[in-house]
Protein backbone atom coordinates (compact mmCIF):
# COMPACT_ATOMS: atom_id res chain seq x y z
CA UNK A 1 14.32 -83.93 15.96
CA UNK A 2 15.79 -81.58 18.38
CA UNK A 3 17.85 -78.96 17.10
CA UNK A 4 21.48 -77.99 18.56
CA UNK A 5 21.77 -75.08 21.34
CA UNK A 6 23.74 -73.54 18.76
CA UNK A 7 20.79 -73.22 16.17
CA UNK A 8 18.47 -72.43 19.23
CA UNK A 9 20.66 -69.33 21.09
CA UNK A 10 20.88 -67.85 17.08
CA UNK A 11 17.42 -68.04 16.50
CA UNK A 12 16.71 -66.59 20.16
CA UNK A 13 19.38 -63.76 19.45
CA UNK A 14 17.69 -62.92 16.51
CA UNK A 15 14.21 -62.95 18.22
CA UNK A 16 15.55 -60.75 20.63
CA UNK A 17 17.08 -58.09 18.00
CA UNK A 18 13.52 -57.99 16.56
CA UNK A 19 12.24 -57.16 19.99
CA UNK A 20 14.70 -54.47 20.50
CA UNK A 21 14.52 -53.26 16.90
CA UNK A 22 10.20 -52.63 17.48
CA UNK A 23 10.94 -50.90 21.14
CA UNK A 24 13.20 -48.54 19.82
CA UNK A 25 10.86 -48.01 16.22
CA UNK A 26 8.34 -47.01 18.98
CA UNK A 27 10.48 -44.82 21.34
CA UNK A 28 11.24 -43.53 18.60
CA UNK A 29 7.42 -43.06 17.22
CA UNK A 30 6.69 -41.36 20.59
CA UNK A 31 9.22 -39.17 20.71
CA UNK A 32 7.70 -37.92 17.19
CA UNK A 33 4.45 -37.60 18.81
CA UNK A 34 6.17 -36.06 21.76
CA UNK A 35 8.22 -33.37 19.51
CA UNK A 36 4.58 -32.73 17.18
CA UNK A 37 2.73 -31.89 20.16
CA UNK A 38 5.25 -29.14 21.97
CA UNK A 39 5.31 -27.49 18.74
CA UNK A 40 1.95 -27.47 17.97
CA UNK A 41 1.03 -26.07 21.37
CA UNK A 42 3.14 -23.14 21.18
CA UNK A 43 0.13 -20.91 19.66
CA UNK A 44 -2.21 -21.94 22.52
CA UNK A 45 -1.29 -19.14 24.77
CA UNK A 46 -0.79 -17.12 22.10
CA UNK A 47 -4.20 -17.54 20.21
CA UNK A 48 -6.20 -19.76 22.78
CA UNK A 49 -5.83 -18.89 26.54
CA UNK A 50 -3.22 -17.16 28.63
CA UNK A 51 -4.24 -18.62 31.62
CA UNK A 52 -7.04 -21.11 31.76
CA UNK A 53 -6.03 -25.20 31.89
CA UNK A 54 -6.56 -26.98 28.36
CA UNK A 55 -7.93 -29.70 31.25
CA UNK A 56 -10.88 -27.34 32.01
CA UNK A 57 -11.68 -26.28 28.36
CA UNK A 58 -12.09 -30.03 26.95
CA UNK A 59 -14.05 -30.87 30.29
CA UNK A 60 -16.11 -27.74 29.70
CA UNK A 61 -16.96 -29.22 25.93
CA UNK A 62 -17.67 -32.53 26.72
CA UNK A 63 -20.24 -31.43 29.43
CA UNK A 64 -21.94 -29.37 26.74
CA UNK A 65 -22.08 -31.86 24.16
CA UNK A 66 -23.16 -34.62 27.07
CA UNK A 67 -25.66 -32.27 28.14
CA UNK A 68 -27.08 -31.53 25.03
CA UNK A 69 -29.76 -33.12 22.71
CA UNK A 70 -27.82 -32.06 19.68
CA UNK A 71 -24.64 -33.69 18.91
CA UNK A 72 -22.83 -30.19 18.01
CA UNK A 73 -20.89 -27.56 19.90
CA UNK A 74 -23.83 -25.35 20.05
CA UNK A 75 -23.91 -21.88 22.49
CA UNK A 76 -25.89 -22.66 25.10
CA UNK A 77 -27.73 -19.07 26.42
CA UNK A 78 -28.45 -20.37 29.96
CA UNK A 79 -24.84 -21.31 31.12
CA UNK A 80 -22.91 -19.34 33.34
CA UNK A 81 -20.92 -16.50 31.66
CA UNK A 82 -17.61 -18.16 33.48
CA UNK A 83 -18.87 -21.40 31.05
CA UNK A 84 -19.65 -19.24 28.34
CA UNK A 85 -16.03 -18.20 28.49
CA UNK A 86 -14.62 -21.91 28.27
CA UNK A 87 -16.43 -22.87 25.53
CA UNK A 88 -15.36 -20.26 24.00
CA UNK A 89 -11.69 -21.12 24.50
CA UNK A 90 -12.13 -24.51 23.32
CA UNK A 91 -14.01 -23.53 20.36
CA UNK A 92 -10.52 -21.26 19.47
CA UNK A 93 -8.64 -24.60 21.05
CA UNK A 94 -10.25 -26.64 18.14
CA UNK A 95 -9.89 -23.97 15.59
CA UNK A 96 -6.32 -23.36 16.09
CA UNK A 97 -5.52 -27.01 15.88
CA UNK A 98 -7.93 -28.15 13.54
CA UNK A 99 -6.71 -31.75 14.12
CA UNK A 100 -7.78 -31.56 17.75
CA UNK A 101 -11.53 -32.47 18.08
CA UNK A 102 -11.10 -35.62 16.25
CA UNK A 103 -8.04 -36.69 18.03
CA UNK A 104 -9.74 -36.04 21.68
CA UNK A 105 -12.79 -38.35 20.71
CA UNK A 106 -10.47 -40.91 19.20
CA UNK A 107 -8.09 -40.97 22.04
CA UNK A 108 -8.24 -43.18 25.49
CA UNK A 109 -8.65 -40.81 28.63
CA UNK A 110 -5.00 -41.41 29.67
CA UNK A 111 -3.51 -41.05 26.22
CA UNK A 112 -5.43 -37.76 25.79
CA UNK A 113 -4.18 -36.24 29.23
CA UNK A 114 -0.64 -37.55 27.69
CA UNK A 115 -1.06 -35.07 24.83
CA UNK A 116 -2.78 -31.83 26.83
CA UNK A 117 0.41 -32.20 29.05
CA UNK A 118 2.55 -32.15 25.98
CA UNK A 119 0.45 -29.49 24.57
CA UNK A 120 0.99 -27.34 27.68
CA UNK A 121 4.54 -27.52 27.71
CA UNK A 122 4.98 -26.01 24.26
CA UNK A 123 2.55 -23.66 25.53
CA UNK A 124 4.65 -22.49 28.43
CA UNK A 125 7.82 -22.97 26.51
CA UNK A 126 6.48 -20.11 23.87
CA UNK A 127 5.08 -17.49 26.78
CA UNK A 128 8.65 -18.11 28.53
CA UNK A 129 10.26 -17.43 25.15
CA UNK A 130 7.75 -14.38 24.18
CA UNK A 131 8.50 -12.76 28.08
CA UNK A 132 11.75 -12.78 28.45
CA UNK A 133 12.29 -11.07 24.70
CA UNK A 134 10.12 -8.63 25.50
CA UNK A 135 11.86 -7.75 28.55
CA UNK A 136 14.60 -6.44 26.38
CA UNK A 137 12.60 -5.31 23.99
CA UNK A 138 10.35 -3.37 25.80
CA UNK A 139 13.05 -1.43 27.58
CA UNK A 140 14.51 -0.57 24.38
CA UNK A 141 11.47 1.07 22.87
CA UNK A 142 10.20 2.33 25.97
CA UNK A 143 13.94 4.41 26.13
CA UNK A 144 14.19 5.51 22.62
CA UNK A 145 10.09 6.66 22.53
CA UNK A 146 10.76 8.79 25.92
CA UNK A 147 14.90 9.40 26.69
CA UNK A 148 14.42 10.42 30.13
CA UNK A 149 17.03 9.66 32.53
CA UNK A 150 16.97 6.78 34.18
CA UNK A 151 16.82 4.61 31.33
CA UNK A 152 15.03 1.52 31.89
CA UNK A 153 17.96 -1.63 32.21
CA UNK A 154 17.08 -4.06 29.34
CA UNK A 155 18.11 -6.93 31.74
CA UNK A 156 17.14 -5.68 35.24
CA UNK A 157 13.51 -5.88 36.19
CA UNK A 158 13.79 -4.10 39.75
CA UNK A 159 13.90 -0.95 38.82
CA UNK A 160 10.67 -0.90 36.80
CA UNK A 161 7.18 -0.47 37.70
CA UNK A 162 6.70 2.32 40.40
CA UNK A 163 10.47 2.07 40.57
CA UNK A 164 10.67 3.87 37.01
CA UNK A 165 8.92 7.08 35.72
CA UNK A 166 8.32 6.16 32.27
CA UNK A 167 6.82 2.89 33.61
CA UNK A 168 4.60 4.23 36.66
CA UNK A 169 3.36 6.77 33.49
CA UNK A 170 2.84 4.30 30.71
CA UNK A 171 1.06 1.47 33.20
CA UNK A 172 -1.44 4.81 34.99
CA UNK A 173 -5.17 3.88 34.78
CA UNK A 174 -6.91 5.74 31.97
CA UNK A 175 -9.76 7.50 34.71
CA UNK A 176 -6.14 9.14 36.20
CA UNK A 177 -4.61 13.03 35.26
CA UNK A 178 -1.18 11.71 34.76
CA UNK A 179 -0.25 15.49 35.24
CA UNK A 180 -1.08 15.79 38.88
CA UNK A 181 1.89 15.38 41.20
CA UNK A 182 -0.37 14.09 44.43
CA UNK A 183 -1.85 11.05 41.73
CA UNK A 184 2.37 10.46 41.26
CA UNK A 185 3.09 10.89 44.87
CA UNK A 186 0.13 8.45 45.45
CA UNK A 187 1.15 5.96 43.05
CA UNK A 188 4.91 5.93 43.94
CA UNK A 189 3.69 5.78 47.54
CA UNK A 190 1.27 3.11 46.67
CA UNK A 191 -1.31 4.43 48.72
CA UNK A 192 -5.04 2.96 49.08
CA UNK A 193 -6.10 6.00 46.87
CA UNK A 194 -4.41 4.91 44.39
CA UNK A 195 -4.64 1.52 43.62
CA UNK A 196 -3.34 -0.06 40.00
CA UNK A 197 -5.37 -3.01 39.56
CA UNK A 198 -6.73 -5.30 36.40
CA UNK A 199 -10.29 -2.90 36.40
CA UNK A 200 -8.35 0.08 34.54
CA UNK A 201 -6.75 0.38 31.53
CA UNK A 202 -3.49 1.77 31.53
CA UNK A 203 -2.25 4.61 29.79
CA UNK A 204 0.56 2.03 27.19
CA UNK A 205 -2.57 0.79 25.89
CA UNK A 206 -3.33 3.87 23.77
CA UNK A 207 -2.25 5.88 21.13
CA UNK A 208 0.26 8.35 21.61
CA UNK A 209 -0.23 7.11 25.20
CA UNK A 210 -2.85 10.17 25.95
CA UNK A 211 -6.17 9.38 26.73
CA UNK A 212 -9.70 11.44 26.16
CA UNK A 213 -11.23 10.66 29.50
CA UNK A 214 -14.61 11.63 27.64
CA UNK A 215 -14.29 8.96 25.08
CA UNK A 216 -12.14 6.67 26.72
CA UNK A 217 -12.59 3.83 23.28
CA UNK A 218 -10.73 6.77 21.67
CA UNK A 219 -7.33 5.57 20.72
CA UNK A 220 -7.86 2.06 22.64
CA UNK A 221 -5.54 -0.82 21.84
CA UNK A 222 -3.57 1.88 19.30
CA UNK A 223 -0.39 2.35 21.26
CA UNK A 224 3.00 1.92 18.96
CA UNK A 225 3.96 -0.52 22.05
CA UNK A 226 1.21 -2.80 21.57
CA UNK A 227 2.47 -2.96 17.94
CA UNK A 228 6.32 -3.64 18.12
CA UNK A 229 4.93 -6.36 20.82
CA UNK A 230 2.53 -8.14 18.47
CA UNK A 231 4.93 -7.66 15.70
CA UNK A 232 7.62 -9.11 17.91
CA UNK A 233 5.44 -12.53 19.18
CA UNK A 234 3.64 -13.09 15.63
CA UNK A 235 5.80 -12.10 13.56
CA UNK A 236 9.49 -12.08 14.30
CA UNK A 237 11.35 -9.76 16.65
CA UNK A 238 13.13 -7.74 13.45
CA UNK A 239 9.80 -6.81 12.29
CA UNK A 240 9.17 -4.80 15.04
CA UNK A 241 11.65 -2.16 13.88
CA UNK A 242 8.72 -0.27 12.02
CA UNK A 243 5.64 0.40 13.12
CA UNK A 244 4.90 4.11 11.59
CA UNK A 245 3.40 2.67 8.06
CA UNK A 246 1.00 -0.08 6.70
CA UNK A 247 3.34 -3.58 6.28
CA UNK A 248 2.55 -5.70 3.36
CA UNK A 249 1.20 -8.76 3.04
CA UNK A 250 -1.99 -10.93 3.05
CA UNK A 251 -5.50 -8.89 4.58
CA UNK A 252 -5.93 -11.89 7.65
CA UNK A 253 -8.39 -10.27 9.78
CA UNK A 254 -9.76 -13.52 11.09
CA UNK A 255 -6.25 -14.42 12.26
CA UNK A 256 -6.26 -11.09 13.48
CA UNK A 257 -9.03 -11.35 15.74
CA UNK A 258 -7.96 -14.17 17.02
CA UNK A 259 -4.31 -13.08 18.24
CA UNK A 260 -4.99 -9.35 18.47
CA UNK A 261 -7.45 -10.14 21.25
CA UNK A 262 -5.28 -12.44 23.76
CA UNK A 263 -1.88 -12.30 24.75
CA UNK A 264 0.38 -8.90 23.96
CA UNK A 265 -1.06 -6.33 26.36
CA UNK A 266 -0.70 -8.95 29.21
CA UNK A 267 2.73 -9.39 28.24
CA UNK A 268 3.74 -5.66 27.47
CA UNK A 269 2.12 -5.27 31.19
CA UNK A 270 3.98 -7.88 32.47
CA UNK A 271 7.11 -6.49 31.02
CA UNK A 272 6.96 -2.91 32.39
CA UNK A 273 6.36 -4.55 35.77
CA UNK A 274 9.18 -5.17 38.20
CA UNK A 275 7.83 -8.57 38.29
CA UNK A 276 10.75 -11.30 37.68
CA UNK A 277 8.99 -14.50 36.81
CA UNK A 278 5.65 -15.15 34.90
CA UNK A 279 2.51 -14.94 37.70
CA UNK A 280 -0.88 -14.67 38.09
CA UNK A 281 -1.31 -11.83 40.54
CA UNK A 282 1.52 -9.19 41.63
CA UNK A 283 0.41 -7.25 44.54
CA UNK A 284 -3.08 -5.98 43.63
CA UNK A 285 -2.71 -6.20 39.93
CA UNK A 286 -4.26 -9.59 38.64
CA UNK A 287 -3.04 -10.44 35.16
CA UNK A 288 -5.44 -13.11 35.05
CA UNK A 289 -8.17 -10.76 35.44
CA UNK A 290 -6.60 -8.44 33.18
CA UNK A 291 -6.53 -10.93 30.35
CA UNK A 292 -10.45 -12.11 30.83
CA UNK A 293 -10.75 -8.08 30.07
CA UNK A 294 -9.04 -8.31 27.34
CA UNK A 295 -10.91 -11.51 25.56
CA UNK A 296 -14.28 -9.76 26.81
CA UNK A 297 -13.91 -6.32 25.41
CA UNK A 298 -13.50 -8.14 22.00
CA UNK A 299 -16.23 -10.90 22.53
CA UNK A 300 -18.80 -9.42 24.84
CA UNK A 301 -19.86 -6.35 22.41
CA UNK A 302 -23.67 -5.18 23.86
CA UNK A 303 -24.77 -4.93 20.15
CA UNK A 304 -24.41 -4.65 16.43
CA UNK A 305 -22.81 -0.77 16.67
CA UNK A 306 -19.99 -1.93 19.08
CA UNK A 307 -19.28 -5.22 17.05
CA UNK A 308 -18.92 -3.08 14.08
CA UNK A 309 -16.71 -0.50 15.68
CA UNK A 310 -14.89 -3.98 16.62
CA UNK A 311 -14.04 -4.88 13.17
CA UNK A 312 -13.09 -1.57 12.34
CA UNK A 313 -10.29 -1.59 15.29
CA UNK A 314 -9.20 -4.77 13.99
CA UNK A 315 -9.01 -3.54 10.12
CA UNK A 316 -6.62 -0.96 11.42
CA UNK A 317 -4.66 -3.77 13.28
CA UNK A 318 -4.96 -5.82 10.04
CA UNK A 319 -3.24 -2.60 7.81
CA UNK A 320 -0.90 -1.91 10.83
CA UNK A 321 0.44 -5.62 10.73
CA UNK A 322 -0.36 -7.38 7.72
CA UNK A 323 -0.71 -4.82 4.85
CA UNK A 324 -4.16 -5.02 3.01
CA UNK A 325 -4.90 -7.03 0.34
CA UNK A 326 -7.66 -6.18 -2.40
CA UNK A 327 -7.46 -9.19 -4.39
CA UNK A 328 -11.22 -9.43 -4.04
CA UNK A 329 -11.77 -5.97 -6.35
CA UNK A 330 -9.80 -7.92 -8.71
CA UNK A 331 -12.78 -8.31 -10.62
CA UNK A 332 -12.76 -10.04 -14.55
CA UNK A 333 -13.61 -6.66 -16.03
CA UNK A 334 -10.50 -4.76 -14.13
CA UNK A 335 -8.46 -7.49 -15.07
CA UNK A 336 -8.92 -7.34 -18.79
CA UNK A 337 -7.68 -4.05 -19.14
CA UNK A 338 -4.60 -4.66 -17.43
CA UNK A 339 -1.34 -5.16 -19.57
CA UNK A 340 -0.82 -9.03 -19.30
CA UNK A 341 -3.85 -9.21 -21.33
CA UNK A 342 -3.99 -5.83 -23.22
CA UNK A 343 -0.84 -7.23 -25.00
CA UNK A 344 -2.50 -10.58 -26.01
CA UNK A 345 -5.21 -8.45 -27.28
CA UNK A 346 -2.91 -6.38 -28.98
CA UNK A 347 -1.16 -9.49 -30.42
CA UNK A 348 -4.58 -10.57 -31.66
CA UNK A 349 -5.46 -7.58 -33.32
CA UNK A 350 -2.18 -7.84 -34.91
CA UNK A 351 -2.51 -11.25 -36.20
CA UNK A 352 -6.21 -10.54 -37.48
CA UNK A 353 -4.45 -7.40 -39.61
CA UNK A 354 -1.79 -9.94 -41.08
CA UNK A 355 -4.71 -12.19 -42.28
CA UNK A 356 -6.99 -9.66 -43.56
CA UNK A 357 -4.18 -8.21 -45.71
CA UNK A 358 -3.47 -12.10 -47.21
């Protein structure tokens, strides 16, 4: 028996409403997924890679997986150095986002590309936030430390780099004598004898901005400016007010190992420069190559002795940023002599005394 047109119209409306609701739910799901990936991506430029594309990291890991007889991400010693760096980057990528590796295995190619695009969006946004905040913060810190006119303007980068005496000193390569007027004139005039490039460690990376040219490792990566920048990026800008003493917190040297070797030196250099937007090359200075030099300093040590010195340096950073945690020293023997256990022992002794007297 045929139904009325009104009943058919109602069924059609109901079906359309269900379809619209399904589409809304699907859209909300996509929006939640996008928000999640963008938020997760904010850590990437800070902890994983500052320049290398995420697609290159994934492609290198896939290549090694496909070319290997083992179904694991093992280190392949005979691969070129650049490929080794990419693979280390992927391992850091997977460590920073623990869900990533399994996700990439389960997604289709287009879905994984879309995910990486959203992660990159979050990474770029965080890098933009960092460089924007450091532009003003670095100017404030430099002015407070040196107090030399003309002061560095927090909201203007055009008078930094070679145009500022303070910035020129902090950007001066470690192998040059800053007290030489001839050298200062060469830097200021940008002569071919004094080229500032990524092949030199700048003075701002050294403790008290002074250098022992007979031992360039002494004081390296211990400058107040780097500690302030690290705190501003990885903890809170407000925590960057104090760097003289050790902080309170957990001993997370492995996290510090990953964070310290990555991005804050490059971002401080960028803040001291006159470049107004993020770039790879500024005149003779290649920021990507400089970042790679920092990564290699920590990861490509020539032997165990240097590795131990790297660990000492990272321990110094852990104490400076996060404080020291001694929980491993709280052995049962040590705890047994502390006041809580001592109080319970005294209670037991009093109970035993009362029992014996009865």
